[in-house]
Structures are given as structure tokens and as C-alpha cells.
Protein backbone atom coordinates (compact mmCIF):
# COMPACT_ATOMS: atom_id res chain seq x y z
CA UNK A 1 32.74 59.49 166.32
CA UNK A 2 31.83 57.04 169.07
CA UNK A 3 33.80 53.89 169.91
CA UNK A 4 31.15 51.54 168.47
CA UNK A 5 31.18 53.30 165.10
CA UNK A 6 34.98 53.32 165.05
CA UNK A 7 35.00 49.58 165.76
CA UNK A 8 32.53 48.88 162.94
CA UNK A 9 34.60 51.00 160.54
CA UNK A 10 37.79 49.21 161.58
CA UNK A 11 36.25 45.76 161.10
CA UNK A 12 34.69 46.79 157.78
CA UNK A 13 38.01 48.16 156.54
CA UNK A 14 39.92 45.03 157.58
CA UNK A 15 37.36 42.77 155.87
CA UNK A 16 37.43 44.91 152.71
CA UNK A 17 41.22 44.79 152.53
CA UNK A 18 41.15 41.03 153.00
CA UNK A 19 38.48 40.53 150.36
CA UNK A 20 39.78 42.92 147.70
CA UNK A 21 43.52 43.26 148.31
CA UNK A 22 45.13 45.49 145.68
CA UNK A 23 41.79 46.02 143.94
CA UNK A 24 40.70 48.24 146.84
CA UNK A 25 41.33 51.93 146.18
CA UNK A 26 39.55 53.38 149.22
CA UNK A 27 36.53 53.10 151.47
CA UNK A 28 34.34 56.14 151.92
CA UNK A 29 31.93 56.53 154.82
CA UNK A 30 29.07 58.66 153.53
CA UNK A 31 25.54 59.62 154.47
CA UNK A 32 24.29 60.44 157.95
CA UNK A 33 27.27 58.92 159.79
CA UNK A 34 29.73 60.99 157.75
CA UNK A 35 27.69 64.13 158.43
CA UNK A 36 27.27 63.21 162.11
CA UNK A 37 23.49 63.39 161.66
CA UNK A 38 22.70 59.74 162.36
CA UNK A 39 20.04 58.52 164.75
CA UNK A 40 19.17 55.18 166.33
CA UNK A 41 17.72 53.59 163.20
CA UNK A 42 20.24 55.00 160.69
CA UNK A 43 22.26 52.63 158.56
CA UNK A 44 26.00 53.01 158.02
CA UNK A 45 26.80 53.71 154.37
CA UNK A 46 30.12 52.63 152.86
CA UNK A 47 31.25 53.24 149.31
CA UNK A 48 33.86 50.63 148.35
CA UNK A 49 35.96 52.16 145.59
CA UNK A 50 37.79 49.63 143.45
CA UNK A 51 40.75 50.20 141.13
CA UNK A 52 39.03 48.23 138.35
CA UNK A 53 38.22 50.17 135.17
CA UNK A 54 34.65 48.91 135.44
CA UNK A 55 32.80 46.62 137.81
CA UNK A 56 29.63 44.59 137.78
CA UNK A 57 27.89 46.02 140.82
CA UNK A 58 25.71 42.96 141.46
CA UNK A 59 28.75 40.65 141.44
CA UNK A 60 30.54 42.86 143.94
CA UNK A 61 27.46 43.14 146.17
CA UNK A 62 27.15 39.35 146.19
CA UNK A 63 30.88 38.98 146.91
CA UNK A 64 30.61 41.32 149.91
CA UNK A 65 27.25 40.08 151.23
CA UNK A 66 28.61 37.51 153.73
CA UNK A 67 30.86 40.15 155.32
CA UNK A 68 28.13 42.78 155.28
CA UNK A 69 25.61 40.40 156.87
CA UNK A 70 28.02 39.19 159.55
CA UNK A 71 28.96 42.73 160.59
CA UNK A 72 25.34 43.88 160.56
CA UNK A 73 24.28 40.98 162.78
CA UNK A 74 27.28 41.31 165.09
CA UNK A 75 26.71 45.01 165.72
CA UNK A 76 22.90 45.05 165.34
CA UNK A 77 22.98 47.76 162.68
CA UNK A 78 22.26 47.86 158.97
CA UNK A 79 25.41 48.30 156.92
CA UNK A 80 24.93 49.42 153.33
CA UNK A 81 27.67 48.84 150.78
CA UNK A 82 27.93 50.58 147.42
CA UNK A 83 30.76 49.14 145.31
CA UNK A 84 32.01 51.43 142.54
CA UNK A 85 34.95 51.78 140.17
CA UNK A 86 37.37 54.61 140.87
CA UNK A 87 36.49 56.18 137.52
CA UNK A 88 32.80 56.32 138.35
CA UNK A 89 33.47 57.52 141.91
CA UNK A 90 35.73 60.33 140.74
CA UNK A 91 33.83 61.43 137.62
CA UNK A 92 30.12 60.72 138.02
CA UNK A 93 27.80 63.67 138.50
CA UNK A 94 25.07 61.55 140.09
CA UNK A 95 24.16 62.95 143.52
CA UNK A 96 25.27 59.89 145.51
CA UNK A 97 28.82 60.16 144.14
CA UNK A 98 28.90 63.94 144.29
CA UNK A 99 27.94 63.98 147.97
CA UNK A 100 30.24 61.06 148.80
CA UNK A 101 33.12 63.10 147.37
CA UNK A 102 31.94 66.29 149.07
CA UNK A 103 30.88 65.02 152.52
CA UNK A 104 32.33 61.52 152.70
CA UNK A 105 35.14 60.46 154.98
CA UNK A 106 37.83 58.20 153.59
CA UNK A 107 38.44 55.52 156.16
């Protein structure tokens, strides 16, 4: 993984820990960056796994939007954030969760 990607991951992780504290279970890098198949116009996909029994995805997206926007602008790359409860992350059979568990990298 290149230095720029590592820096983005580090800043994203720090911001997530600050925003969520003990609610944060883990952050999973998934998609093309996790598979090392990214190209110049790829986005960086993060799954933010929360300890909550259930979450309201839209509320969490709105909560994270200022951080997401600032990092995207700072590094000139689209950062996608998918907030999810630990239960859904660990048990859902939907492809996005299945492949995040299979190919994702916990950061």
C-alpha cells in the first residue's frame, strides 16, 4: 500500500475514533483498495462497524459527512463510508458485507 493511501487510512481511523469513541468496533477497508485493484479514479471504501445493536444509516452518514468531505477534499479522492452495526456486518449475507468480511482489511 502506498504512503498516500496509508496516510488517508490513518487520518480516517483517527477521525473515526474521535467521532465514535467506544461505539467504534472496527474500520474495514474494502473494495478495489483492499484488493489492490484500484486505479486513478477509484474511490476508497470504508465500512465503519459500530457496536450498537442497530443503527440508522442515514443519521450515521450525516454525522460522518463533514469528516468524509474534508478528507476527500484534502486528498483529492472520493472516500465512501458505509456505517453498519456489528451484528449486520457479521451476519448479513448481502454481497457487500460478505465481500467486506472475505476481502476487507481491518485498519
